[in-house]
Amino acid sequence: MARKIVLMMGVSLDGYIEGPDREIDWHVVDGELHRHFNTELAAMGGFLHGRVVYELMAGVWPTADTDPASTPEMVEFAGIWRDKPKIVYSTTLERADWNTTLVRRVDADEVRALKAEPGGDLVLGGADLAASFMDLDLIDAYRIYVHPVLIGRGKPLFRDRDALTRLDLVETHAFGNGVVLLQYDRAAR
């Protein structure tokens, strides 16, 4: 059975992944939600990042487990992120560390071959990279974490498209902090 490409992103109730000045401080991540992320991501076969997401992650997680201010959940996630294989799609990034392969462009045939390899599902992060994968019809599942906030403007998770993608609801879960997980798989074609 082929592994899936899973888009996993947090959004405001009005659909933004970041504010107009790229701020993400409105994300509500407490211990319960972080433990959930750790469980989900530990089971994944790897991360697919765009440059922006990779640089954000690489700026924190390689050493977060040595920071005395880190929570136990953060310490655990630092190891998960650092140790998992990562593919970064970027035309401008010079190099990438921490078990990371740098790829210059999204090639549908290469991604399909990657999906056919053994291992866990691959988690996709970043709105621009997600748009490229959506344009090539490569996303199999969506795990959208809706945060209890309206930010009014910023960068939307989904850009305008001319294609309809039907989805089947797999799961919903409300966390104690008000975040709601909406999990969908692609509908049978």
C-alpha atoms as a PDB file:
ATOM      1  CA  MET A   1       0.000   0.000   0.000  1.00  0.00           C
ATOM      2  CA  ALA A   2       1.377   3.384  -0.992  1.00  0.00           C
ATOM      3  CA  ARG A   3       2.061   5.892   1.688  1.00  0.00           C
ATOM      4  CA  LYS A   4       0.079   9.115   1.688  1.00  0.00           C
ATOM      5  CA  ILE A   5       1.010  12.755   1.364  1.00  0.00           C
ATOM      6  CA  VAL A   6      -0.704  14.439   4.330  1.00  0.00           C
ATOM      7  CA  LEU A   7      -1.089  18.213   4.484  1.00  0.00           C
ATOM      8  CA  MET A   8      -0.951  19.078   8.178  1.00  0.00           C
ATOM      9  CA  MET A   9      -1.369  22.773   8.999  1.00  0.00           C
ATOM     10  CA  GLY A  10      -2.795  25.106  11.592  1.00  0.00           C
ATOM     11  CA  VAL A  11      -5.123  27.890  10.463  1.00  0.00           C
ATOM     12  CA  SER A  12      -7.140  30.670  11.983  1.00  0.00           C
ATOM     13  CA  LEU A  13     -10.911  30.258  11.802  1.00  0.00           C
ATOM     14  CA  ASP A  14     -10.855  32.643   8.828  1.00  0.00           C
ATOM     15  CA  GLY A  15      -8.357  30.448   6.969  1.00  0.00           C
ATOM     16  CA  TYR A  16      -4.956  32.089   7.466  1.00  0.00           C
ATOM     17  CA  ILE A  17      -1.716  30.315   8.363  1.00  0.00           C
ATOM     18  CA  GLU A  18       0.059  33.533   9.346  1.00  0.00           C
ATOM     19  CA  GLY A  19      -0.753  37.180   9.883  1.00  0.00           C
ATOM     20  CA  PRO A  20       0.094  40.031   7.512  1.00  0.00           C
ATOM     21  CA  ASP A  21       3.564  40.414   9.029  1.00  0.00           C
ATOM     22  CA  ARG A  22       4.151  36.628   9.009  1.00  0.00           C
ATOM     23  CA  GLU A  23       3.256  36.367  12.704  1.00  0.00           C
ATOM     24  CA  ILE A  24       2.144  32.997  14.038  1.00  0.00           C
ATOM     25  CA  ASP A  25       2.015  33.893  17.728  1.00  0.00           C
ATOM     26  CA  TRP A  26      -1.756  33.454  17.701  1.00  0.00           C
ATOM     27  CA  HIS A  27      -1.409  29.655  17.319  1.00  0.00           C
ATOM     28  CA  VAL A  28      -2.733  28.001  20.496  1.00  0.00           C
ATOM     29  CA  VAL A  29      -0.356  25.089  21.174  1.00  0.00           C
ATOM     30  CA  ASP A  30      -0.536  23.756  24.708  1.00  0.00           C
ATOM     31  CA  GLY A  31       0.756  20.493  26.158  1.00  0.00           C
ATOM     32  CA  GLU A  32      -2.237  18.436  25.021  1.00  0.00           C
ATOM     33  CA  LEU A  33      -2.020  19.613  21.414  1.00  0.00           C
ATOM     34  CA  HIS A  34       1.779  19.305  21.333  1.00  0.00           C
ATOM     35  CA  ARG A  35       1.570  15.708  22.606  1.00  0.00           C
ATOM     36  CA  HIS A  36      -0.944  14.995  19.845  1.00  0.00           C
ATOM     37  CA  PHE A  37       1.421  16.474  17.241  1.00  0.00           C
ATOM     38  CA  ASN A  38       4.295  14.399  18.606  1.00  0.00           C
ATOM     39  CA  THR A  39       2.265  11.187  18.388  1.00  0.00           C
ATOM     40  CA  GLU A  40       1.090  11.944  14.856  1.00  0.00           C
ATOM     41  CA  LEU A  41       4.473  13.095  13.553  1.00  0.00           C
ATOM     42  CA  ALA A  42       6.474  10.307  15.194  1.00  0.00           C
ATOM     43  CA  ALA A  43       4.456   7.847  13.077  1.00  0.00           C
ATOM     44  CA  MET A  44       5.230   9.693   9.829  1.00  0.00           C
ATOM     45  CA  GLY A  45       7.902   8.546   7.413  1.00  0.00           C
ATOM     46  CA  GLY A  46       9.261  12.039   6.835  1.00  0.00           C
ATOM     47  CA  PHE A  47       8.663  15.737   6.376  1.00  0.00           C
ATOM     48  CA  LEU A  48       8.154  17.629   3.114  1.00  0.00           C
ATOM     49  CA  HIS A  49       8.928  21.305   3.658  1.00  0.00           C
ATOM     50  CA  GLY A  50       9.158  24.410   1.551  1.00  0.00           C
ATOM     51  CA  ARG A  51      12.041  26.775   2.270  1.00  0.00           C
ATOM     52  CA  VAL A  52      10.105  29.061   4.623  1.00  0.00           C
ATOM     53  CA  VAL A  53       8.819  26.206   6.806  1.00  0.00           C
ATOM     54  CA  TYR A  54      12.232  24.540   6.807  1.00  0.00           C
ATOM     55  CA  GLU A  55      14.006  27.730   7.886  1.00  0.00           C
ATOM     56  CA  LEU A  56      11.406  28.295  10.617  1.00  0.00           C
ATOM     57  CA  MET A  57      11.808  24.735  11.892  1.00  0.00           C
ATOM     58  CA  ALA A  58      15.615  24.744  11.556  1.00  0.00           C
ATOM     59  CA  GLY A  59      15.754  27.947  13.570  1.00  0.00           C
ATOM     60  CA  VAL A  60      14.258  26.246  16.634  1.00  0.00           C
ATOM     61  CA  TRP A  61      14.141  22.450  16.675  1.00  0.00           C
ATOM     62  CA  PRO A  62      17.748  21.267  16.191  1.00  0.00           C
ATOM     63  CA  THR A  63      18.667  22.484  19.682  1.00  0.00           C
ATOM     64  CA  ALA A  64      15.311  22.884  21.453  1.00  0.00           C
ATOM     65  CA  ASP A  65      16.003  19.796  23.541  1.00  0.00           C
ATOM     66  CA  THR A  66      18.997  21.564  25.139  1.00  0.00           C
ATOM     67  CA  ASP A  67      17.041  24.694  26.048  1.00  0.00           C
ATOM     68  CA  PRO A  68      16.098  24.657  29.749  1.00  0.00           C
ATOM     69  CA  ALA A  69      12.935  26.618  28.899  1.00  0.00           C
ATOM     70  CA  SER A  70      11.650  23.822  26.631  1.00  0.00           C
ATOM     71  CA  THR A  71       8.697  21.784  27.819  1.00  0.00           C
ATOM     72  CA  PRO A  72       8.906  17.967  27.775  1.00  0.00           C
ATOM     73  CA  GLU A  73       6.749  18.028  24.623  1.00  0.00           C
ATOM     74  CA  MET A  74       9.167  20.410  22.917  1.00  0.00           C
ATOM     75  CA  VAL A  75      12.143  18.247  23.904  1.00  0.00           C
ATOM     76  CA  GLU A  76      10.406  15.197  22.432  1.00  0.00           C
ATOM     77  CA  PHE A  77       9.510  17.008  19.221  1.00  0.00           C
ATOM     78  CA  ALA A  78      13.075  18.268  18.756  1.00  0.00           C
ATOM     79  CA  GLY A  79      14.242  14.664  18.454  1.00  0.00           C
ATOM     80  CA  ILE A  80      11.377  13.716  16.140  1.00  0.00           C
ATOM     81  CA  TRP A  81      12.058  16.614  13.769  1.00  0.00           C
ATOM     82  CA  ARG A  82      15.821  16.280  13.807  1.00  0.00           C
ATOM     83  CA  ASP A  83      15.844  12.508  13.226  1.00  0.00           C
ATOM     84  CA  LYS A  84      13.117  12.157  10.595  1.00  0.00           C
ATOM     85  CA  PRO A  85      14.089  12.334   6.933  1.00  0.00           C
ATOM     86  CA  LYS A  86      13.178  15.671   5.398  1.00  0.00           C
ATOM     87  CA  ILE A  87      12.875  16.897   1.841  1.00  0.00           C
ATOM     88  CA  VAL A  88      13.063  20.652   1.341  1.00  0.00           C
ATOM     89  CA  TYR A  89      11.792  22.065  -1.932  1.00  0.00           C
ATOM     90  CA  SER A  90      13.622  25.295  -2.718  1.00  0.00           C
ATOM     91  CA  THR A  91      15.233  27.016  -5.656  1.00  0.00           C
ATOM     92  CA  THR A  92      17.197  29.392  -3.421  1.00  0.00           C
ATOM     93  CA  LEU A  93      18.331  27.450  -0.352  1.00  0.00           C
ATOM     94  CA  GLU A  94      22.068  26.740  -0.542  1.00  0.00           C
ATOM     95  CA  ARG A  95      22.176  23.823   1.895  1.00  0.00           C
ATOM     96  CA  ALA A  96      20.069  21.949   4.405  1.00  0.00           C
ATOM     97  CA  ASP A  97      21.158  19.946   7.439  1.00  0.00           C
ATOM     98  CA  TRP A  98      19.623  17.460   9.890  1.00  0.00           C
ATOM     99  CA  ASN A  99      18.837  14.490   7.668  1.00  0.00           C
ATOM    100  CA  THR A 100      17.547  16.736   4.887  1.00  0.00           C
ATOM    101  CA  THR A 101      17.569  16.347   1.110  1.00  0.00           C
ATOM    102  CA  LEU A 102      17.349  19.512  -0.963  1.00  0.00           C
ATOM    103  CA  VAL A 103      15.178  19.318  -4.087  1.00  0.00           C
ATOM    104  CA  ARG A 104      14.873  22.227  -6.533  1.00  0.00           C
ATOM    105  CA  ARG A 105      11.325  21.657  -7.813  1.00  0.00           C
ATOM    106  CA  VAL A 106       8.265  19.512  -7.264  1.00  0.00           C
ATOM    107  CA  ASP A 107       8.187  16.763  -9.888  1.00  0.00           C
ATOM    108  CA  ALA A 108       4.979  14.707  -9.847  1.00  0.00           C
ATOM    109  CA  ASP A 109       6.685  11.508 -11.011  1.00  0.00           C
ATOM    110  CA  GLU A 110       9.376  11.823  -8.323  1.00  0.00           C
ATOM    111  CA  VAL A 111       6.739  12.400  -5.641  1.00  0.00           C
ATOM    112  CA  ARG A 112       4.716   9.385  -6.828  1.00  0.00           C
ATOM    113  CA  ALA A 113       7.897   7.276  -6.666  1.00  0.00           C
ATOM    114  CA  LEU A 114       8.539   8.590  -3.155  1.00  0.00           C
ATOM    115  CA  LYS A 115       4.998   7.595  -2.154  1.00  0.00           C
ATOM    116  CA  ALA A 116       5.627   4.065  -3.470  1.00  0.00           C
ATOM    117  CA  GLU A 117       8.650   3.595  -1.197  1.00  0.00           C
ATOM    118  CA  PRO A 118       8.181   1.750   2.096  1.00  0.00           C
ATOM    119  CA  GLY A 119       7.716   3.728   5.280  1.00  0.00           C
ATOM    120  CA  GLY A 120       5.150   5.909   6.971  1.00  0.00           C
ATOM    121  CA  ASP A 121       3.112   8.668   5.393  1.00  0.00           C
ATOM    122  CA  LEU A 122       4.811  11.947   4.476  1.00  0.00           C
ATOM    123  CA  VAL A 123       3.701  15.151   6.156  1.00  0.00           C
ATOM    124  CA  LEU A 124       3.527  18.234   3.967  1.00  0.00           C
ATOM    125  CA  GLY A 125       3.911  21.707   5.482  1.00  0.00           C
ATOM    126  CA  GLY A 126       3.678  25.174   3.978  1.00  0.00           C
ATOM    127  CA  ALA A 127       1.003  26.934   1.953  1.00  0.00           C
ATOM    128  CA  ASP A 128       3.136  27.563  -1.135  1.00  0.00           C
ATOM    129  CA  LEU A 129       4.395  23.992  -1.270  1.00  0.00           C
ATOM    130  CA  ALA A 130       0.868  22.722  -0.637  1.00  0.00           C
ATOM    131  CA  ALA A 131      -0.375  24.770  -3.596  1.00  0.00           C
ATOM    132  CA  SER A 132       2.249  23.143  -5.837  1.00  0.00           C
ATOM    133  CA  PHE A 133       1.251  19.685  -4.610  1.00  0.00           C
ATOM    134  CA  MET A 134      -2.447  20.502  -5.073  1.00  0.00           C
ATOM    135  CA  ASP A 135      -1.832  21.731  -8.617  1.00  0.00           C
ATOM    136  CA  LEU A 136      -0.239  18.343  -9.372  1.00  0.00           C
ATOM    137  CA  ASP A 137      -3.002  16.426  -7.554  1.00  0.00           C
ATOM    138  CA  LEU A 138      -0.557  14.874  -5.066  1.00  0.00           C
ATOM    139  CA  ILE A 139      -2.233  15.425  -1.666  1.00  0.00           C
ATOM    140  CA  ASP A 140      -4.045  12.392  -0.252  1.00  0.00           C
ATOM    141  CA  ALA A 141      -5.148  13.646   3.157  1.00  0.00           C
ATOM    142  CA  TYR A 142      -5.699  16.899   5.023  1.00  0.00           C
ATOM    143  CA  ARG A 143      -5.263  17.424   8.761  1.00  0.00           C
ATOM    144  CA  ILE A 144      -6.320  20.996   9.379  1.00  0.00           C
ATOM    145  CA  TYR A 145      -6.084  22.384  12.902  1.00  0.00           C
ATOM    146  CA  VAL A 146      -8.483  25.318  13.244  1.00  0.00           C
ATOM    147  CA  HIS A 147      -7.400  27.735  15.967  1.00  0.00           C
ATOM    148  CA  PRO A 148     -10.048  29.752  17.855  1.00  0.00           C
ATOM    149  CA  VAL A 149      -9.062  33.138  16.480  1.00  0.00           C
ATOM    150  CA  LEU A 150      -9.988  35.448  13.610  1.00  0.00           C
ATOM    151  CA  ILE A 151      -6.967  37.384  12.372  1.00  0.00           C
ATOM    152  CA  GLY A 152      -8.644  39.280   9.539  1.00  0.00           C
ATOM    153  CA  ARG A 153      -5.864  39.114   6.976  1.00  0.00           C
ATOM    154  CA  GLY A 154      -2.607  37.388   6.231  1.00  0.00           C
ATOM    155  CA  LYS A 155      -1.506  34.411   4.175  1.00  0.00           C
ATOM    156  CA  PRO A 156      -4.309  31.963   3.422  1.00  0.00           C
ATOM    157  CA  LEU A 157      -3.720  28.230   3.534  1.00  0.00           C
ATOM    158  CA  PHE A 158      -5.516  27.686   0.237  1.00  0.00           C
ATOM    159  CA  ARG A 159      -5.135  29.955  -2.763  1.00  0.00           C
ATOM    160  CA  ASP A 160      -7.714  30.375  -5.515  1.00  0.00           C
ATOM    161  CA  ARG A 161      -7.965  27.345  -7.784  1.00  0.00           C
ATOM    162  CA  ASP A 162     -10.110  26.231 -10.686  1.00  0.00           C
ATOM    163  CA  ALA A 163     -10.267  22.605  -9.548  1.00  0.00           C
ATOM    164  CA  LEU A 164     -12.765  20.860  -7.308  1.00  0.00           C
ATOM    165  CA  THR A 165     -11.386  18.269  -4.883  1.00  0.00           C
ATOM    166  CA  ARG A 166     -13.920  16.126  -3.091  1.00  0.00           C
ATOM    167  CA  LEU A 167     -13.023  14.950   0.405  1.00  0.00           C
ATOM    168  CA  ASP A 168     -14.348  12.442   2.922  1.00  0.00           C
ATOM    169  CA  LEU A 169     -14.436  13.432   6.577  1.00  0.00           C
ATOM    170  CA  VAL A 170     -12.368  10.919   8.567  1.00  0.00           C
ATOM    171  CA  GLU A 171     -12.215  12.486  12.011  1.00  0.00           C
ATOM    172  CA  THR A 172     -12.910  15.577  14.049  1.00  0.00           C
ATOM    173  CA  HIS A 173     -11.470  16.270  17.453  1.00  0.00           C
ATOM    174  CA  ALA A 174     -11.860  19.263  19.730  1.00  0.00           C
ATOM    175  CA  PHE A 175      -8.893  19.907  22.012  1.00  0.00           C
ATOM    176  CA  GLY A 176      -9.280  21.500  25.427  1.00  0.00           C
ATOM    177  CA  ASN A 177      -7.706  24.752  24.226  1.00  0.00           C
ATOM    178  CA  GLY A 178     -10.402  25.280  21.561  1.00  0.00           C
ATOM    179  CA  VAL A 179      -8.391  24.026  18.565  1.00  0.00           C
ATOM    180  CA  VAL A 180     -10.405  21.675  16.348  1.00  0.00           C
ATOM    181  CA  LEU A 181      -8.864  19.029  14.107  1.00  0.00           C
ATOM    182  CA  LEU A 182     -10.644  18.448  10.810  1.00  0.00           C
ATOM    183  CA  GLN A 183      -9.231  15.357   9.112  1.00  0.00           C
ATOM    184  CA  TYR A 184     -10.164  14.525   5.549  1.00  0.00           C
ATOM    185  CA  ASP A 185      -9.049  11.971   2.982  1.00  0.00           C
ATOM    186  CA  ARG A 186      -9.512  12.395  -0.726  1.00  0.00           C
ATOM    187  CA  ALA A 187     -12.803  10.951  -1.864  1.00  0.00           C
ATOM    188  CA  ALA A 188     -12.600   7.855  -4.049  1.00  0.00           C
ATOM    189  CA  ARG A 189     -11.954   8.922  -7.598  1.00  0.00           C
END
